[in-house]
């Protein structure tokens, strides 16, 4: 009985780890944790069915087979949980769509960094900070947007010179993989929208 309790605890720890990995990739941690528990239960059930099938077949001479199949419920449960872990581990980070994103504008030596909102608006791009300062970039002035490591780098022309904004996406998990994916996705979306409106 203690061994069964220990196996259940190990299964739940694995499910919690799966939930944590899913959250790091911008997915529902609770949903994937529940899926892992469900898959473990399905694997345990299938293993139990296999065990019942082998014991019900009256295979008295195959004692090794009986010994192996007696482990089937536990092995099946853990196999299904580990398969769920493999799926979650291979999922790419989920990036936010839409036309508005929370970002952190990095300081540039002349001013400190601040939280802001980057949005695609009718007249181009708009960056609003908490103090009410607004930067608007028209499609005609827009030069480029690209992922730069974890950051999003936007370049545009203003008054004969080139300006640059460096922004960190903040509306998701605080992981490098998510920020890199989010920066690339936002850059692609900004480039497509500004090119279409230029």
C-alpha atoms as a PDB file:
ATOM      1  CA  UNK A   1       0.000   0.000   0.000  1.00  0.00           C
ATOM      2  CA  UNK A   2       2.876   2.363   0.817  1.00  0.00           C
ATOM      3  CA  UNK A   3       4.475   1.515  -2.531  1.00  0.00           C
ATOM      4  CA  UNK A   4       1.246   2.387  -4.366  1.00  0.00           C
ATOM      5  CA  UNK A   5       1.039   5.707  -2.497  1.00  0.00           C
ATOM      6  CA  UNK A   6       4.657   6.459  -3.413  1.00  0.00           C
ATOM      7  CA  UNK A   7       3.936   5.720  -7.086  1.00  0.00           C
ATOM      8  CA  UNK A   8       0.911   8.029  -7.007  1.00  0.00           C
ATOM      9  CA  UNK A   9       3.027  10.813  -5.468  1.00  0.00           C
ATOM     10  CA  UNK A  10       5.726  10.321  -8.128  1.00  0.00           C
ATOM     11  CA  UNK A  11       3.036  10.458 -10.844  1.00  0.00           C
ATOM     12  CA  UNK A  12       1.606  13.678  -9.405  1.00  0.00           C
ATOM     13  CA  UNK A  13       5.083  15.241  -9.185  1.00  0.00           C
ATOM     14  CA  UNK A  14       5.621  14.379 -12.859  1.00  0.00           C
ATOM     15  CA  UNK A  15       2.233  15.913 -13.705  1.00  0.00           C
ATOM     16  CA  UNK A  16       3.153  19.102 -11.794  1.00  0.00           C
ATOM     17  CA  UNK A  17       6.462  19.293 -13.688  1.00  0.00           C
ATOM     18  CA  UNK A  18       4.559  18.908 -16.976  1.00  0.00           C
ATOM     19  CA  UNK A  19       2.299  21.807 -15.919  1.00  0.00           C
ATOM     20  CA  UNK A  20       5.350  23.961 -15.128  1.00  0.00           C
ATOM     21  CA  UNK A  21       6.967  23.223 -18.517  1.00  0.00           C
ATOM     22  CA  UNK A  22       3.677  24.013 -20.268  1.00  0.00           C
ATOM     23  CA  UNK A  23       3.431  27.387 -18.484  1.00  0.00           C
ATOM     24  CA  UNK A  24       6.995  28.242 -19.538  1.00  0.00           C
ATOM     25  CA  UNK A  25       5.876  27.742 -23.131  1.00  0.00           C
ATOM     26  CA  UNK A  26       2.850  30.012 -22.726  1.00  0.00           C
ATOM     27  CA  UNK A  27       0.382  27.116 -22.447  1.00  0.00           C
ATOM     28  CA  UNK A  28      -2.164  26.248 -19.755  1.00  0.00           C
ATOM     29  CA  UNK A  29      -0.218  24.624 -16.935  1.00  0.00           C
ATOM     30  CA  UNK A  30      -3.345  23.373 -15.172  1.00  0.00           C
ATOM     31  CA  UNK A  31      -4.754  21.970 -18.410  1.00  0.00           C
ATOM     32  CA  UNK A  32      -1.596  20.046 -19.285  1.00  0.00           C
ATOM     33  CA  UNK A  33      -1.224  18.842 -15.692  1.00  0.00           C
ATOM     34  CA  UNK A  34      -4.798  17.520 -15.804  1.00  0.00           C
ATOM     35  CA  UNK A  35      -4.071  15.888 -19.175  1.00  0.00           C
ATOM     36  CA  UNK A  36      -1.025  14.138 -17.676  1.00  0.00           C
ATOM     37  CA  UNK A  37      -3.064  12.816 -14.740  1.00  0.00           C
ATOM     38  CA  UNK A  38      -5.790  11.661 -17.134  1.00  0.00           C
ATOM     39  CA  UNK A  39      -3.262   9.964 -19.417  1.00  0.00           C
ATOM     40  CA  UNK A  40      -1.686   8.267 -16.386  1.00  0.00           C
ATOM     41  CA  UNK A  41      -5.105   6.960 -15.379  1.00  0.00           C
ATOM     42  CA  UNK A  42      -5.763   5.717 -18.920  1.00  0.00           C
ATOM     43  CA  UNK A  43      -2.378   3.969 -18.999  1.00  0.00           C
ATOM     44  CA  UNK A  44      -3.047   2.409 -15.596  1.00  0.00           C
ATOM     45  CA  UNK A  45      -6.467   1.245 -16.804  1.00  0.00           C
ATOM     46  CA  UNK A  46      -5.082  -0.291 -19.993  1.00  0.00           C
ATOM     47  CA  UNK A  47      -2.363  -2.008 -17.998  1.00  0.00           C
ATOM     48  CA  UNK A  48      -4.992  -3.389 -15.640  1.00  0.00           C
ATOM     49  CA  UNK A  49      -7.008  -4.702 -18.588  1.00  0.00           C
ATOM     50  CA  UNK A  50      -3.870  -6.414 -19.923  1.00  0.00           C
ATOM     51  CA  UNK A  51      -3.227  -7.909 -16.488  1.00  0.00           C
ATOM     52  CA  UNK A  52      -6.791  -9.194 -16.278  1.00  0.00           C
ATOM     53  CA  UNK A  53      -6.533 -10.639 -19.778  1.00  0.00           C
ATOM     54  CA  UNK A  54      -3.328 -12.550 -19.016  1.00  0.00           C
ATOM     55  CA  UNK A  55      -4.544 -13.865 -15.630  1.00  0.00           C
ATOM     56  CA  UNK A  56      -7.890 -14.756 -17.130  1.00  0.00           C
ATOM     57  CA  UNK A  57      -6.234 -16.797 -19.895  1.00  0.00           C
ATOM     58  CA  UNK A  58      -5.103 -19.444 -17.360  1.00  0.00           C
ATOM     59  CA  UNK A  59      -1.537 -19.328 -18.613  1.00  0.00           C
ATOM     60  CA  UNK A  60      -0.085 -21.256 -15.676  1.00  0.00           C
ATOM     61  CA  UNK A  61       3.135 -22.252 -17.449  1.00  0.00           C
ATOM     62  CA  UNK A  62       4.090 -18.705 -18.374  1.00  0.00           C
ATOM     63  CA  UNK A  63       5.136 -17.443 -14.927  1.00  0.00           C
ATOM     64  CA  UNK A  64       7.552 -14.878 -16.408  1.00  0.00           C
ATOM     65  CA  UNK A  65       4.739 -13.459 -18.515  1.00  0.00           C
ATOM     66  CA  UNK A  66       2.546 -13.222 -15.441  1.00  0.00           C
ATOM     67  CA  UNK A  67       5.286 -11.418 -13.531  1.00  0.00           C
ATOM     68  CA  UNK A  68       5.804  -8.902 -16.341  1.00  0.00           C
ATOM     69  CA  UNK A  69       2.122  -8.246 -16.834  1.00  0.00           C
ATOM     70  CA  UNK A  70       1.629  -7.679 -13.120  1.00  0.00           C
ATOM     71  CA  UNK A  71       3.717  -4.526 -13.614  1.00  0.00           C
ATOM     72  CA  UNK A  72       1.591  -3.437 -16.598  1.00  0.00           C
ATOM     73  CA  UNK A  73      -0.724  -1.031 -14.722  1.00  0.00           C
ATOM     74  CA  UNK A  74       2.188   0.906 -13.210  1.00  0.00           C
ATOM     75  CA  UNK A  75       4.276   0.804 -16.391  1.00  0.00           C
ATOM     76  CA  UNK A  76       1.273   1.835 -18.493  1.00  0.00           C
ATOM     77  CA  UNK A  77       0.471   4.756 -16.213  1.00  0.00           C
ATOM     78  CA  UNK A  78       4.024   6.088 -16.239  1.00  0.00           C
ATOM     79  CA  UNK A  79       4.442   5.459 -19.971  1.00  0.00           C
ATOM     80  CA  UNK A  80       1.406   7.594 -20.756  1.00  0.00           C
ATOM     81  CA  UNK A  81       2.543  10.363 -18.365  1.00  0.00           C
ATOM     82  CA  UNK A  82       6.022  10.371 -19.939  1.00  0.00           C
ATOM     83  CA  UNK A  83       4.477  10.464 -23.423  1.00  0.00           C
ATOM     84  CA  UNK A  84       2.521  13.557 -22.350  1.00  0.00           C
ATOM     85  CA  UNK A  85       5.759  15.079 -21.026  1.00  0.00           C
ATOM     86  CA  UNK A  86       7.448  14.450 -24.377  1.00  0.00           C
ATOM     87  CA  UNK A  87       4.588  16.179 -26.229  1.00  0.00           C
ATOM     88  CA  UNK A  88       4.684  19.221 -23.928  1.00  0.00           C
ATOM     89  CA  UNK A  89       8.465  19.438 -24.134  1.00  0.00           C
ATOM     90  CA  UNK A  90       8.319  19.568 -27.946  1.00  0.00           C
ATOM     91  CA  UNK A  91       5.597  22.251 -28.086  1.00  0.00           C
ATOM     92  CA  UNK A  92       6.831  25.579 -29.414  1.00  0.00           C
ATOM     93  CA  UNK A  93       6.210  28.601 -27.207  1.00  0.00           C
ATOM     94  CA  UNK A  94       2.759  30.093 -27.788  1.00  0.00           C
ATOM     95  CA  UNK A  95       2.864  33.700 -28.864  1.00  0.00           C
ATOM     96  CA  UNK A  96       0.140  36.277 -28.467  1.00  0.00           C
ATOM     97  CA  UNK A  97      -1.662  37.418 -31.573  1.00  0.00           C
ATOM     98  CA  UNK A  98      -3.840  40.472 -31.806  1.00  0.00           C
ATOM     99  CA  UNK A  99      -2.857  44.059 -32.422  1.00  0.00           C
ATOM    100  CA  UNK A 100      -1.753  45.180 -28.957  1.00  0.00           C
ATOM    101  CA  UNK A 101       1.033  43.948 -26.672  1.00  0.00           C
ATOM    102  CA  UNK A 102       2.388  44.893 -23.268  1.00  0.00           C
ATOM    103  CA  UNK A 103       6.109  45.616 -23.488  1.00  0.00           C
ATOM    104  CA  UNK A 104       8.964  47.092 -21.495  1.00  0.00           C
ATOM    105  CA  UNK A 105      10.897  49.822 -23.276  1.00  0.00           C
ATOM    106  CA  UNK A 106      14.566  49.496 -22.440  1.00  0.00           C
ATOM    107  CA  UNK A 107      16.373  52.621 -21.277  1.00  0.00           C
ATOM    108  CA  UNK A 108      18.783  54.211 -23.728  1.00  0.00           C
ATOM    109  CA  UNK A 109      21.102  56.214 -21.473  1.00  0.00           C
ATOM    110  CA  UNK A 110      19.066  59.397 -21.771  1.00  0.00           C
ATOM    111  CA  UNK A 111      15.965  57.992 -20.094  1.00  0.00           C
ATOM    112  CA  UNK A 112      15.089  55.075 -17.854  1.00  0.00           C
ATOM    113  CA  UNK A 113      13.120  52.098 -19.117  1.00  0.00           C
ATOM    114  CA  UNK A 114       9.353  51.905 -18.576  1.00  0.00           C
ATOM    115  CA  UNK A 115       6.300  49.698 -19.070  1.00  0.00           C
ATOM    116  CA  UNK A 116       4.290  50.517 -22.172  1.00  0.00           C
ATOM    117  CA  UNK A 117       1.751  49.199 -24.663  1.00  0.00           C
ATOM    118  CA  UNK A 118       2.616  48.696 -28.328  1.00  0.00           C
ATOM    119  CA  UNK A 119      -0.373  48.691 -30.675  1.00  0.00           C
ATOM    120  CA  UNK A 120      -1.168  48.605 -34.358  1.00  0.00           C
ATOM    121  CA  UNK A 121      -3.528  51.527 -34.935  1.00  0.00           C
ATOM    122  CA  UNK A 122      -5.161  53.081 -37.975  1.00  0.00           C
ATOM    123  CA  UNK A 123      -2.310  55.530 -38.586  1.00  0.00           C
ATOM    124  CA  UNK A 124       0.565  53.035 -37.997  1.00  0.00           C
ATOM    125  CA  UNK A 125       2.158  51.937 -34.731  1.00  0.00           C
ATOM    126  CA  UNK A 126       1.640  53.486 -31.343  1.00  0.00           C
ATOM    127  CA  UNK A 127       3.656  53.114 -28.127  1.00  0.00           C
ATOM    128  CA  UNK A 128       1.915  54.431 -24.983  1.00  0.00           C
ATOM    129  CA  UNK A 129       3.650  54.574 -21.617  1.00  0.00           C
ATOM    130  CA  UNK A 130       2.041  54.900 -18.188  1.00  0.00           C
ATOM    131  CA  UNK A 131       2.840  58.634 -17.984  1.00  0.00           C
ATOM    132  CA  UNK A 132       0.840  59.374 -21.115  1.00  0.00           C
ATOM    133  CA  UNK A 133       3.793  59.853 -23.491  1.00  0.00           C
ATOM    134  CA  UNK A 134       2.991  58.533 -26.964  1.00  0.00           C
ATOM    135  CA  UNK A 135       5.265  57.566 -29.842  1.00  0.00           C
ATOM    136  CA  UNK A 136       3.488  57.149 -33.171  1.00  0.00           C
ATOM    137  CA  UNK A 137       5.191  55.609 -36.216  1.00  0.00           C
ATOM    138  CA  UNK A 138       3.429  56.012 -39.544  1.00  0.00           C
ATOM    139  CA  UNK A 139       3.653  53.234 -42.149  1.00  0.00           C
ATOM    140  CA  UNK A 140       5.593  55.583 -44.450  1.00  0.00           C
ATOM    141  CA  UNK A 141       8.201  56.258 -41.734  1.00  0.00           C
ATOM    142  CA  UNK A 142       8.472  52.601 -40.648  1.00  0.00           C
ATOM    143  CA  UNK A 143      11.818  51.070 -41.679  1.00  0.00           C
ATOM    144  CA  UNK A 144      11.972  47.636 -40.024  1.00  0.00           C
ATOM    145  CA  UNK A 145      11.034  45.438 -37.103  1.00  0.00           C
ATOM    146  CA  UNK A 146      13.087  42.422 -36.072  1.00  0.00           C
ATOM    147  CA  UNK A 147      13.604  40.082 -33.179  1.00  0.00           C
ATOM    148  CA  UNK A 148      16.954  40.811 -31.538  1.00  0.00           C
ATOM    149  CA  UNK A 149      17.481  38.018 -29.038  1.00  0.00           C
ATOM    150  CA  UNK A 150      14.743  38.435 -26.441  1.00  0.00           C
ATOM    151  CA  UNK A 151      14.003  41.984 -27.583  1.00  0.00           C
ATOM    152  CA  UNK A 152      12.016  43.527 -30.404  1.00  0.00           C
ATOM    153  CA  UNK A 153      13.895  46.225 -32.330  1.00  0.00           C
ATOM    154  CA  UNK A 154      11.816  48.733 -34.329  1.00  0.00           C
ATOM    155  CA  UNK A 155      13.468  51.273 -36.653  1.00  0.00           C
ATOM    156  CA  UNK A 156      11.817  54.254 -38.336  1.00  0.00           C
ATOM    157  CA  UNK A 157      12.726  57.568 -39.940  1.00  0.00           C
ATOM    158  CA  UNK A 158      11.825  60.830 -38.248  1.00  0.00           C
ATOM    159  CA  UNK A 159      13.031  64.296 -39.229  1.00  0.00           C
ATOM    160  CA  UNK A 160      15.796  63.029 -41.496  1.00  0.00           C
ATOM    161  CA  UNK A 161      17.320  60.647 -38.943  1.00  0.00           C
ATOM    162  CA  UNK A 162      16.747  57.038 -38.049  1.00  0.00           C
ATOM    163  CA  UNK A 163      15.235  56.252 -34.627  1.00  0.00           C
ATOM    164  CA  UNK A 164      15.193  52.925 -32.803  1.00  0.00           C
ATOM    165  CA  UNK A 165      12.990  51.410 -30.112  1.00  0.00           C
ATOM    166  CA  UNK A 166      14.105  48.339 -28.173  1.00  0.00           C
ATOM    167  CA  UNK A 167      11.225  46.563 -26.427  1.00  0.00           C
ATOM    168  CA  UNK A 168      10.892  43.424 -24.315  1.00  0.00           C
ATOM    169  CA  UNK A 169       7.553  41.577 -24.521  1.00  0.00           C
ATOM    170  CA  UNK A 170       6.047  41.208 -21.021  1.00  0.00           C
ATOM    171  CA  UNK A 171       2.578  39.695 -21.479  1.00  0.00           C
ATOM    172  CA  UNK A 172       3.623  36.064 -21.080  1.00  0.00           C
ATOM    173  CA  UNK A 173       5.936  33.751 -19.173  1.00  0.00           C
ATOM    174  CA  UNK A 174       9.269  35.260 -18.152  1.00  0.00           C
ATOM    175  CA  UNK A 175      11.373  32.813 -20.150  1.00  0.00           C
ATOM    176  CA  UNK A 176      13.960  33.412 -22.831  1.00  0.00           C
ATOM    177  CA  UNK A 177      12.337  30.978 -25.283  1.00  0.00           C
ATOM    178  CA  UNK A 178       8.963  32.709 -24.997  1.00  0.00           C
ATOM    179  CA  UNK A 179      10.405  36.228 -25.348  1.00  0.00           C
ATOM    180  CA  UNK A 180      12.441  35.254 -28.422  1.00  0.00           C
ATOM    181  CA  UNK A 181       9.389  33.677 -30.088  1.00  0.00           C
ATOM    182  CA  UNK A 182       7.133  36.584 -29.116  1.00  0.00           C
ATOM    183  CA  UNK A 183       9.615  39.186 -30.412  1.00  0.00           C
ATOM    184  CA  UNK A 184       9.893  37.430 -33.777  1.00  0.00           C
ATOM    185  CA  UNK A 185       6.109  37.034 -34.055  1.00  0.00           C
ATOM    186  CA  UNK A 186       5.424  40.696 -33.222  1.00  0.00           C
ATOM    187  CA  UNK A 187       8.147  41.840 -35.651  1.00  0.00           C
ATOM    188  CA  UNK A 188       6.600  39.761 -38.433  1.00  0.00           C
ATOM    189  CA  UNK A 189       3.133  41.134 -37.696  1.00  0.00           C
ATOM    190  CA  UNK A 190       4.336  44.764 -37.567  1.00  0.00           C
ATOM    191  CA  UNK A 191       6.275  44.388 -40.831  1.00  0.00           C
ATOM    192  CA  UNK A 192       3.281  42.837 -42.607  1.00  0.00           C
ATOM    193  CA  UNK A 193       0.825  45.485 -41.395  1.00  0.00           C
ATOM    194  CA  UNK A 194       3.087  48.465 -42.124  1.00  0.00           C
ATOM    195  CA  UNK A 195       4.019  47.103 -45.564  1.00  0.00           C
ATOM    196  CA  UNK A 196       0.316  46.661 -46.378  1.00  0.00           C
ATOM    197  CA  UNK A 197      -0.474  50.252 -45.354  1.00  0.00           C
ATOM    198  CA  UNK A 198       2.576  51.986 -46.829  1.00  0.00           C
END
